[in-house]
Protein backbone atom coordinates (compact mmCIF):
# COMPACT_ATOMS: atom_id res chain seq x y z
CA MET A 1 152.48 53.22 87.36
CA PHE A 2 149.23 54.20 89.01
CA SER A 3 148.03 57.19 91.02
CA LYS A 4 144.73 58.41 92.42
CA VAL A 5 143.66 61.93 93.36
CA ASN A 6 140.41 63.01 95.00
CA SER A 7 138.21 65.61 93.36
CA MET A 8 134.56 66.66 93.45
CA GLY A 9 131.81 66.93 90.86
CA LEU A 10 128.22 68.07 90.56
CA GLN A 11 125.14 66.03 89.78
CA GLY A 12 122.80 68.93 89.24
CA PHE A 13 122.83 70.61 92.64
CA ARG A 14 124.31 67.71 94.61
CA ALA A 15 128.10 67.52 95.01
CA GLU A 16 129.72 64.09 94.76
CA GLN A 17 133.23 62.79 95.26
CA VAL A 18 135.16 61.91 92.09
CA HIS A 19 138.32 59.81 92.04
CA VAL A 20 140.77 60.82 89.30
CA GLU A 21 142.76 57.66 88.52
CA CYS A 22 145.82 57.75 86.26
CA ASP A 23 147.70 54.80 84.80
CA LEU A 24 150.93 55.02 82.77
CA SER A 25 151.67 51.92 80.70
CA SER A 26 153.92 50.89 77.86
CA GLY A 27 152.85 51.17 74.26
CA LEU A 28 152.41 53.90 71.70
CA PRO A 29 152.00 57.38 73.23
CA ARG A 30 148.33 58.05 73.75
CA PHE A 31 146.13 60.00 76.16
CA ASP A 32 142.73 58.44 76.92
CA LEU A 33 140.23 60.14 79.23
CA VAL A 34 137.31 57.95 80.34
CA GLY A 35 134.58 58.07 82.96
CA LEU A 36 131.71 59.72 81.05
CA PRO A 37 133.35 63.14 80.44
CA ASP A 38 131.66 65.91 78.48
CA SER A 39 133.48 67.91 75.80
CA ALA A 40 134.88 70.43 78.30
CA VAL A 41 136.40 67.61 80.35
CA SER A 42 137.76 65.85 77.25
CA GLU A 43 139.52 69.05 76.21
CA ALA A 44 141.44 68.91 79.50
CA LYS A 45 143.97 66.66 77.75
CA GLU A 46 145.32 69.57 75.70
CA ARG A 47 145.22 72.08 78.55
CA VAL A 48 147.03 69.71 80.91
CA ARG A 49 149.65 68.77 78.30
CA SER A 50 150.48 72.43 77.58
CA ALA A 51 150.46 73.44 81.26
CA ILE A 52 152.89 70.65 82.23
CA LYS A 53 155.34 71.65 79.50
CA ASN A 54 155.05 75.39 80.13
CA CYS A 55 155.74 74.85 83.85
CA GLY A 56 159.09 73.24 83.02
CA LEU A 57 157.97 69.67 83.71
CA GLU A 58 158.07 66.59 81.50
CA PHE A 59 154.93 65.26 79.91
CA PRO A 60 155.15 61.42 80.01
CA ILE A 61 155.81 59.77 76.66
CA SER A 62 153.72 56.68 77.25
CA ARG A 63 150.15 55.43 77.13
CA ILE A 64 148.19 57.56 79.61
CA THR A 65 144.76 56.47 80.81
CA VAL A 66 142.81 58.77 83.12
CA ASN A 67 139.57 57.51 84.62
CA LEU A 68 137.02 59.71 86.39
CA ALA A 69 135.23 57.42 88.83
CA PRO A 70 132.44 56.66 89.39
CA ALA A 71 131.52 56.50 85.73
CA GLU A 72 127.78 56.39 86.40
CA PHE A 73 127.23 60.14 86.17
CA LYS A 74 128.40 62.62 83.54
CA LYS A 75 131.44 64.76 84.44
CA GLU A 76 130.97 68.33 83.28
CA GLY A 77 133.10 71.45 83.10
CA PRO A 78 136.83 72.19 83.29
CA LEU A 79 137.14 71.72 87.07
CA TYR A 80 138.99 68.39 86.67
CA ASP A 81 142.04 69.97 84.97
CA LEU A 82 144.01 70.40 88.19
CA PRO A 83 143.44 66.90 89.65
CA ILE A 84 144.22 65.32 86.24
CA LEU A 85 147.50 67.23 86.06
CA VAL A 86 148.49 66.25 89.62
CA ALA A 87 147.52 62.61 89.00
CA ILE A 88 149.78 62.49 85.92
CA LEU A 89 152.71 64.01 87.83
CA LEU A 90 152.21 61.54 90.67
CA ALA A 91 152.06 58.56 88.30
CA SER A 92 155.22 59.73 86.51
CA LYS A 93 156.89 60.25 89.90
CA GLN A 94 157.71 63.90 89.19
CA ILE A 95 156.14 64.76 92.55
CA LYS A 96 155.80 62.74 95.73
CA VAL A 97 153.03 63.72 98.13
CA ASN A 98 150.26 61.98 100.08
CA LEU A 99 146.89 63.35 98.97
CA ASP A 100 144.63 60.64 100.40
CA SER A 101 142.76 63.14 102.59
CA ALA A 102 142.82 66.03 100.11
CA ALA A 103 140.72 67.06 97.12
CA LEU A 104 141.55 69.34 94.19
CA ILE A 105 139.48 71.25 91.63
CA GLY A 106 140.32 73.98 89.15
CA GLU A 107 140.58 74.91 85.49
CA ILE A 108 144.12 75.27 84.16
CA ALA A 109 145.29 77.80 81.59
CA LEU A 110 147.95 76.82 79.07
CA ASN A 111 150.59 78.67 81.13
CA GLY A 112 149.65 76.85 84.35
CA GLU A 113 147.41 79.51 85.86
CA VAL A 114 144.49 78.10 87.88
CA ARG A 115 141.16 79.67 86.99
CA LYS A 116 137.82 79.99 88.76
CA VAL A 117 135.17 77.26 88.46
CA ASN A 118 131.49 77.03 89.39
CA GLY A 119 129.94 75.12 92.28
CA VAL A 120 132.82 75.38 94.78
CA LEU A 121 130.64 76.12 97.82
CA PRO A 122 128.54 72.90 97.75
CA MET A 123 131.67 70.91 96.84
CA VAL A 124 133.60 72.15 99.88
CA ALA A 125 130.60 71.47 102.11
CA ARG A 126 130.37 67.93 100.72
CA ALA A 127 134.14 67.37 101.13
CA LYS A 128 133.80 68.24 104.80
CA GLU A 129 130.99 65.67 105.16
CA LEU A 130 133.31 63.08 103.59
CA GLU A 131 135.91 63.93 106.25
CA LEU A 132 138.48 65.21 103.78
CA THR A 133 140.86 67.54 105.62
CA GLU A 134 142.34 69.60 102.75
CA PHE A 135 140.84 71.21 99.67
CA TYR A 136 142.83 72.96 96.93
CA ILE A 137 140.73 75.45 94.98
CA PRO A 138 141.33 78.41 92.60
CA VAL A 139 142.23 81.60 94.43
CA ASP A 140 139.22 83.41 92.92
CA ASN A 141 136.87 80.92 94.64
CA CYS A 142 138.34 81.31 98.11
CA ASP A 143 135.82 83.87 99.41
CA GLU A 144 132.79 81.64 98.94
CA ALA A 145 134.64 78.64 100.44
CA SER A 146 135.70 80.53 103.57
CA LEU A 147 132.32 80.00 105.20
CA ILE A 148 132.85 76.24 105.63
CA PRO A 149 134.71 75.57 108.91
CA ASP A 150 136.94 72.65 110.00
CA ILE A 151 138.56 72.02 106.62
CA LEU A 152 141.85 73.46 105.35
CA ILE A 153 141.22 75.48 102.20
CA TYR A 154 144.29 76.24 100.07
CA PRO A 155 143.77 78.93 97.41
CA VAL A 156 145.91 78.03 94.38
CA LYS A 157 147.09 80.76 92.01
CA ASP A 158 149.03 78.57 89.56
CA VAL A 159 150.57 75.11 89.15
CA ARG A 160 154.07 76.29 90.13
CA GLN A 161 152.79 77.52 93.50
CA LEU A 162 151.06 74.18 94.12
CA LEU A 163 154.19 72.17 93.25
CA LEU A 164 156.35 74.28 95.54
CA HIS A 165 153.84 73.61 98.31
CA PHE A 166 153.90 69.85 97.68
CA SER A 167 157.69 69.81 97.71
CA GLY A 168 157.80 71.74 100.97
CA THR A 169 159.84 74.58 99.47
CA GLU A 170 157.17 77.27 99.89
CA LYS A 171 154.21 76.17 101.96
CA MET A 172 150.90 77.86 101.19
CA THR A 173 148.92 79.39 104.01
CA PRO A 174 145.43 77.89 104.34
CA LEU A 175 142.48 80.21 104.06
CA LYS A 176 141.24 81.72 107.31
CA ASN A 177 137.71 80.55 107.98
CA MET A 178 135.34 83.43 108.55
CA THR A 179 132.20 83.38 110.61
CA PHE A 180 128.89 84.40 109.10
CA GLU A 181 128.99 87.63 111.12
CA GLU A 182 132.50 88.47 109.90
CA ILE A 183 131.50 87.96 106.30
CA GLN A 184 128.44 90.16 106.80
CA LYS A 185 130.67 92.96 108.10
CA SER A 186 133.35 92.57 105.42
CA MET A 187 131.03 92.51 102.43
CA ILE A 188 129.45 95.52 100.82
CA LYS A 189 125.88 95.79 102.05
CA GLN A 190 123.64 94.09 99.52
CA SER A 191 120.31 95.52 100.61
CA ASN A 192 118.86 98.49 98.73
CA ASP A 193 118.25 101.35 101.15
CA SER A 194 116.88 103.58 98.39
CA ILE A 195 113.45 101.92 98.49
CA ASP A 196 111.12 101.93 101.47
CA PHE A 197 107.46 101.23 102.18
CA ALA A 198 107.14 104.84 103.33
CA ASP A 199 107.41 105.83 99.65
CA VAL A 200 104.05 104.17 98.95
CA LEU A 201 101.13 106.50 99.60
CA GLY A 202 97.91 104.96 100.85
CA GLN A 203 97.27 101.35 99.73
CA LYS A 204 96.60 100.29 103.32
CA CYS A 205 95.02 96.98 102.32
CA ALA A 206 97.85 96.00 99.97
CA LYS A 207 100.49 96.94 102.54
CA ARG A 208 98.71 94.85 105.15
CA ALA A 209 98.60 91.89 102.77
CA LEU A 210 102.33 92.13 102.07
CA GLU A 211 103.07 92.38 105.80
CA ILE A 212 101.08 89.19 106.41
CA ALA A 213 102.80 87.52 103.45
CA ALA A 214 106.25 88.45 104.77
CA ALA A 215 105.39 87.29 108.28
CA GLY A 216 104.20 83.86 107.18
CA GLY A 217 105.99 83.28 103.87
CA HIS A 218 102.72 83.38 101.92
CA ASN A 219 102.17 83.89 98.18
CA VAL A 220 100.48 87.07 96.97
CA LEU A 221 98.52 88.19 93.90
CA LEU A 222 98.10 91.94 93.35
CA VAL A 223 95.30 92.90 90.94
CA GLY A 224 94.71 96.48 89.87
CA SER A 225 94.63 99.12 87.17
CA PRO A 226 97.81 100.26 85.42
CA GLY A 227 99.77 102.70 87.59
CA ALA A 228 98.03 101.73 90.83
CA GLY A 229 101.37 100.80 92.45
CA LYS A 230 101.48 97.00 92.16
CA SER A 231 105.12 96.79 91.05
CA MET A 232 106.13 99.50 93.49
CA LEU A 233 104.68 97.51 96.37
CA ALA A 234 106.20 94.21 95.26
CA LYS A 235 109.70 95.65 94.90
CA ARG A 236 109.57 96.82 98.52
CA LEU A 237 108.63 93.43 99.91
CA PRO A 238 112.29 92.34 100.46
CA THR A 239 112.80 95.38 102.73
CA ILE A 240 110.43 93.93 105.33
CA LEU A 241 111.48 90.28 105.14
CA PRO A 242 113.47 88.86 108.08
CA ASP A 243 117.24 88.74 107.73
CA MET A 244 118.64 85.52 106.29
CA THR A 245 120.00 82.97 108.73
CA PHE A 246 123.34 81.24 108.21
CA GLU A 247 121.65 78.11 106.89
CA GLU A 248 119.48 80.08 104.44
CA SER A 249 122.44 82.10 103.19
CA LEU A 250 124.51 78.95 102.69
CA ALA A 251 121.71 77.17 100.78
CA THR A 252 120.98 80.14 98.51
CA SER A 253 124.68 80.87 97.92
CA SER A 254 125.22 77.23 96.92
CA ILE A 255 122.61 77.57 94.17
CA TYR A 256 124.24 80.76 92.90
CA SER A 257 127.63 79.04 93.05
CA VAL A 258 126.39 76.19 90.85
CA ALA A 259 124.88 78.73 88.44
CA GLY A 260 128.17 80.68 88.32
CA LEU A 261 126.54 83.87 89.61
CA LEU A 262 128.79 84.52 92.61
CA THR A 263 131.35 87.27 92.05
CA LYS A 264 134.39 88.55 93.91
CA GLU A 265 132.33 91.53 95.06
CA LYS A 266 129.44 89.28 96.13
CA PRO A 267 130.88 85.87 97.09
CA LEU A 268 127.86 85.06 99.26
CA ILE A 269 124.16 85.87 99.15
CA LEU A 270 123.32 87.76 102.34
CA ALA A 271 120.16 89.60 101.23
CA ARG A 272 117.07 87.65 100.26
CA PRO A 273 116.91 87.23 96.47
CA PHE A 274 114.36 89.19 94.47
CA ARG A 275 114.02 87.78 90.96
CA SER A 276 111.76 89.40 88.39
CA PRO A 277 111.95 87.49 85.08
CA HIS A 278 110.42 88.96 81.92
CA HIS A 279 107.24 87.34 80.65
CA THR A 280 109.12 86.11 77.55
CA THR A 281 111.34 83.88 79.73
CA THR A 282 111.37 80.30 78.42
CA ASP A 283 110.11 77.33 80.41
CA VAL A 284 113.67 75.99 80.82
CA ALA A 285 115.04 79.31 82.08
CA PHE A 286 112.05 79.58 84.38
CA ALA A 287 112.09 76.15 86.04
CA GLY A 288 115.69 75.17 85.29
CA GLY A 289 117.19 72.65 82.95
CA GLY A 290 119.01 72.87 79.66
CA ALA A 291 121.69 70.42 78.58
CA LYS A 292 123.29 70.52 82.04
CA ALA A 293 120.13 70.86 84.17
CA LYS A 294 121.13 74.25 85.55
CA PRO A 295 119.00 76.06 88.15
CA GLY A 296 116.31 78.39 86.82
CA GLU A 297 114.57 81.50 88.13
CA VAL A 298 112.54 79.48 90.64
CA SER A 299 115.65 78.04 92.31
CA LEU A 300 117.52 81.35 92.13
CA SER A 301 114.65 82.81 94.19
CA HIS A 302 115.15 80.22 96.96
CA ASN A 303 114.57 81.81 100.40
CA GLY A 304 113.51 84.97 98.62
CA VAL A 305 110.89 86.45 96.30
CA LEU A 306 109.92 85.49 92.75
CA PHE A 307 108.00 88.43 91.26
CA LEU A 308 105.95 87.87 88.11
CA ASP A 309 104.73 91.17 86.69
CA GLU A 310 101.93 91.03 84.11
CA LEU A 311 101.14 87.47 85.16
CA PRO A 312 98.75 86.53 82.29
CA LEU A 313 101.44 87.36 79.71
CA PHE A 314 103.59 84.43 80.85
CA THR A 315 103.07 81.24 78.88
CA ARG A 316 100.70 78.71 80.41
CA SER A 317 103.42 76.04 80.41
CA ALA A 318 105.85 78.32 82.28
CA LEU A 319 103.30 79.12 84.96
CA GLU A 320 102.40 75.47 85.43
CA THR A 321 106.03 74.71 86.36
CA LEU A 322 105.34 76.62 89.57
CA ARG A 323 102.99 73.96 90.90
CA GLN A 324 105.69 71.66 92.29
CA PRO A 325 107.85 74.30 94.03
CA LEU A 326 104.81 76.05 95.51
CA GLU A 327 103.61 72.74 96.94
CA ASP A 328 106.89 70.98 97.83
CA GLY A 329 109.47 73.78 98.07
CA LYS A 330 111.69 72.19 95.41
CA VAL A 331 111.87 71.68 91.66
CA THR A 332 113.05 68.51 89.95
CA VAL A 333 114.47 68.79 86.44
CA THR A 334 115.33 65.91 84.10
CA ARG A 335 117.36 66.69 81.00
CA ASN A 336 119.48 64.38 78.81
CA ALA A 337 119.61 61.57 81.38
CA VAL A 338 120.51 64.11 84.10
CA THR A 339 118.07 64.47 86.99
CA ALA A 340 118.61 67.37 89.37
CA THR A 341 116.51 68.46 92.33
CA TYR A 342 117.00 72.10 93.32
CA PRO A 343 115.57 73.87 96.37
CA GLY A 344 112.68 76.15 95.48
CA SER A 345 111.23 77.51 98.70
CA ILE A 346 109.95 80.81 97.38
CA MET A 347 107.47 83.56 98.05
CA LEU A 348 105.55 84.03 94.83
CA VAL A 349 104.37 87.60 94.24
CA CYS A 350 102.29 88.24 91.12
CA ALA A 351 100.85 91.41 89.64
CA MET A 352 98.26 91.70 86.91
CA ASN A 353 95.52 93.85 85.45
CA PRO A 354 91.92 92.66 85.90
CA CYS A 355 91.32 92.69 82.13
CA PRO A 356 93.27 93.31 78.88
CA CYS A 357 92.75 97.08 78.95
CA GLY A 358 93.35 97.15 82.70
CA TYR A 359 90.41 99.32 83.74
CA LEU A 360 87.72 96.78 84.66
CA TYR A 361 87.30 98.12 88.22
CA ASP A 362 88.77 101.59 87.69
CA PRO A 363 86.44 104.31 89.04
CA VAL A 364 87.48 106.82 86.36
CA HIS A 365 88.48 104.98 83.18
CA PRO A 366 85.78 102.83 81.53
CA CYS A 367 86.66 99.30 80.52
CA THR A 368 86.65 98.71 76.74
CA CYS A 369 87.09 94.93 76.78
CA THR A 370 84.51 92.49 75.50
CA ASP A 371 83.35 89.63 77.69
CA ALA A 372 85.15 87.19 75.41
CA ALA A 373 88.41 89.15 75.68
CA LYS A 374 88.15 89.20 79.49
CA ALA A 375 87.51 85.46 79.57
CA ARG A 376 90.49 84.69 77.32
CA TYR A 377 92.74 86.96 79.39
CA LEU A 378 91.82 85.41 82.75
CA SER A 379 91.82 81.85 81.38
CA ARG A 380 95.59 82.06 80.99
CA ILE A 381 95.85 81.54 84.75
CA SER A 382 94.81 78.05 85.77
CA GLY A 383 92.62 77.33 88.76
CA PRO A 384 95.20 75.04 90.43
CA LEU A 385 97.84 77.79 90.30
CA LEU A 386 95.44 80.42 91.64
CA ASP A 387 94.45 78.04 94.42
CA ARG A 388 98.08 78.00 95.61
CA ILE A 389 98.17 81.78 96.09
CA ASP A 390 97.26 82.59 99.68
CA LEU A 391 96.55 86.33 99.48
CA GLN A 392 94.68 87.90 96.55
CA VAL A 393 94.43 91.67 96.82
CA MET A 394 92.77 94.41 94.82
CA VAL A 395 95.05 97.46 94.49
CA ASP A 396 92.86 100.49 93.87
CA PRO A 397 94.25 103.58 92.08
CA LEU A 398 94.95 106.64 94.20
CA ASP A 399 92.81 109.74 93.91
CA ALA A 400 94.25 113.25 93.64
CA TYR A 401 93.85 113.96 97.35
CA ALA A 402 95.82 110.88 98.42
CA LEU A 403 98.51 111.63 95.84
CA TYR A 404 99.09 115.31 96.59
CA ASN A 405 97.72 116.08 100.05
CA ARG A 406 98.57 113.01 102.11
CA ASP A 407 101.16 113.53 104.83
CA THR A 408 104.06 111.20 103.91
CA SER A 409 105.24 111.19 107.53
CA LEU A 410 102.16 109.13 108.38
CA GLU A 411 103.35 106.23 106.23
CA GLU A 412 105.10 103.42 108.09
CA THR A 413 108.72 102.76 107.20
CA SER A 414 110.02 99.37 106.15
CA ALA A 415 111.99 99.16 109.41
CA THR A 416 108.81 99.52 111.48
CA ILE A 417 106.96 96.85 109.51
CA LYS A 418 110.01 94.57 109.50
CA ALA A 419 110.13 94.64 113.30
CA ARG A 420 106.59 93.24 113.49
CA VAL A 421 107.34 90.68 110.77
CA THR A 422 110.50 89.50 112.55
CA ALA A 423 108.65 89.14 115.86
CA ALA A 424 105.98 86.98 114.16
CA ARG A 425 108.66 84.88 112.43
CA ASN A 426 110.42 84.29 115.75
CA ILE A 427 107.17 82.87 117.14
CA GLN A 428 107.02 80.49 114.18
CA LEU A 429 110.67 79.46 114.49
CA GLU A 430 110.01 78.51 118.10
CA ARG A 431 106.79 76.72 117.15
CA PHE A 432 108.43 74.62 114.44
CA ALA A 433 111.77 74.04 116.18
CA GLY A 434 113.21 70.64 115.31
CA SER A 435 111.43 70.40 111.94
CA ASP A 436 112.23 71.55 108.40
CA VAL A 437 109.37 74.07 108.49
CA VAL A 438 110.37 77.68 109.22
CA CYS A 439 107.13 79.61 108.61
CA ASN A 440 103.38 79.11 108.60
CA ALA A 441 103.11 78.82 104.81
CA GLY A 442 105.17 75.62 104.96
CA MET A 443 102.97 73.82 107.49
CA THR A 444 102.00 70.26 106.64
CA PRO A 445 98.31 69.24 106.94
CA ARG A 446 99.10 67.59 110.27
CA MET A 447 100.70 70.81 111.53
CA VAL A 448 97.68 72.80 110.37
CA ARG A 449 95.42 70.61 112.53
CA LYS A 450 97.79 70.90 115.48
CA TYR A 451 98.67 74.60 115.47
CA CYS A 452 95.67 76.30 113.81
CA VAL A 453 93.42 76.11 116.86
CA MET A 454 90.29 78.21 116.39
CA THR A 455 87.70 79.57 118.76
CA PRO A 456 84.18 78.13 118.24
CA ASP A 457 82.99 81.38 116.63
CA ALA A 458 85.98 81.47 114.27
CA LYS A 459 85.35 77.87 113.25
CA SER A 460 81.69 78.61 112.60
CA LEU A 461 82.62 81.58 110.39
CA LEU A 462 85.07 79.51 108.35
CA ILE A 463 82.53 76.71 107.80
CA LYS A 464 79.96 79.25 106.64
CA ALA A 465 82.45 80.88 104.22
CA PHE A 466 83.59 77.47 102.96
CA THR A 467 80.00 76.58 102.06
CA GLN A 468 78.95 79.89 100.54
CA MET A 469 82.14 80.64 98.57
CA ASN A 470 82.80 77.06 97.43
CA PHE A 471 86.38 76.93 98.68
CA SER A 472 88.52 73.92 97.84
CA ALA A 473 90.18 71.90 100.60
CA ARG A 474 93.50 73.51 99.65
CA ALA A 475 91.97 77.00 99.86
CA ASN A 476 90.62 76.10 103.30
CA ASP A 477 94.11 75.15 104.48
CA LYS A 478 95.55 78.32 102.93
CA ILE A 479 93.03 80.41 104.87
CA LEU A 480 93.96 78.63 108.11
CA ARG A 481 97.68 79.19 107.52
CA THR A 482 97.06 82.86 106.75
CA ALA A 483 94.86 83.25 109.82
CA ARG A 484 97.59 81.64 111.93
CA THR A 485 100.03 84.29 110.67
CA ILE A 486 97.59 87.11 111.40
CA ALA A 487 97.18 85.73 114.92
CA ASP A 488 100.96 85.62 115.31
CA LEU A 489 101.18 89.27 114.31
CA ASP A 490 98.61 89.98 117.02
CA GLY A 491 100.45 87.79 119.53
CA SER A 492 97.39 85.57 119.94
CA PRO A 493 97.84 81.86 120.79
CA VAL A 494 94.51 80.95 119.14
CA ILE A 495 92.80 81.99 115.91
CA ASP A 496 89.82 84.23 116.59
CA VAL A 497 87.02 85.65 114.44
CA PRO A 498 88.95 88.78 113.25
CA HIS A 499 91.86 86.61 112.11
CA ILE A 500 89.63 84.26 110.11
CA ALA A 501 87.61 87.15 108.67
CA GLU A 502 90.71 88.96 107.44
CA ALA A 503 92.15 85.76 105.93
CA ILE A 504 88.86 85.11 104.07
CA GLN A 505 88.85 88.68 102.79
CA PHE A 506 92.15 88.05 101.05
CA ARG A 507 90.60 85.22 98.99
CA ARG A 508 88.02 87.48 97.33
CA MET A 509 89.75 87.45 93.94
CA ASP A 510 88.57 83.87 93.49
CA CYS A 511 85.30 85.28 92.16
CA LEU A 512 87.15 87.22 89.43
CA PHE A 513 88.24 83.98 87.80
CA LYS A 514 84.86 82.23 87.87
């Protein structure tokens, strides 16, 4: 007797269809589970056996073979418990139901309760692409699945409820699909209203750099003495970033779903992520990987901000993992014959001192570092990584007058800055409509040539700076992208001299590392 039930699985970040095939044959009682399962999947045999008996059903006394097809990729996690159980009941003819257009996932407790699993959001989205019409998921995963329209989502509390539904005795009500706007209203606001750019006194240059970075999606390096306000500025960057679109929220939420970081209180990511890993974070936790190639800090910052405080204290190998995502907007991880490509479109914001003691350019505190100590400290940051950072800003310490006598009402609020940033982003969305690029930082070289049109004087200034400051070709393109953003903030269709001059000014830290 043979049965087949549809399920879903994850290959890294990508969801794939899995067919759970069950065959009951004569011979000595035995339960074989094949199809490249990991230990968690193999243990499903005992969970399924106990759940069937504890639900008042009969576990078949025969040779049971369950195959998870295709066998070419490793099946991980307990999400196959529910489809295995249903496949066995179908093969033993204890239930009769047509599930050709349905898929099931869920971990089963020994008493038949269906428990939450990771990665439901990308699985439901993939099931819709495969034109499956029904999806049975654990009840605790229903909130994150409600965003996917045009597919019937049935939240399953336990096996008994599912069997009553299959028999027609007590039909379950499918989940009501919610629009993105409805979910935004129903969820607790995720943004932090307790921080605002108005809290930062002075620092006009640094604020301007962060506004440009937010408007164009550029990377930023803040260099300054201890206590100058670098971390304070970086933590307020999310307050001026444009609101996430539906597509961005779905992509970021899918990563958090795979990582198991979505909760009942926060079933979707609506606010742009702000990740700030400690400098002791390992390379694997940073870029992603491990035995199951899970997403790391870079991928968890997708469509948001990755903030690295005390940049030179991170290991050289960890920092070098940033090269691919900063260039391609994705990170590819290969671990134990598992290759996973995760999105990694991030804004990198770094903060550091100019020397080990931190007071190299401080007007009050003298620097006590030797030349050799300074060289060792700065050598921890490679030239290729620095070249990928668009804006490099010196954050000067505040004097007593600015700290105690400045009128705080003169400081712009995050809402005011965000309005300008959003207007500039809207220009870029219109400019890049029909492509995968959403902001100036993501422009391809061909787009740079097409959209970064300069006046003759601006072009002459850039050529002169390129020659005198020994910019690389990448640095030249970074300056053009930054200048394009500055022009967008000004509402200018072409890049003029002030735009180029300001973009060049934000590359002045290059000399610190030479």
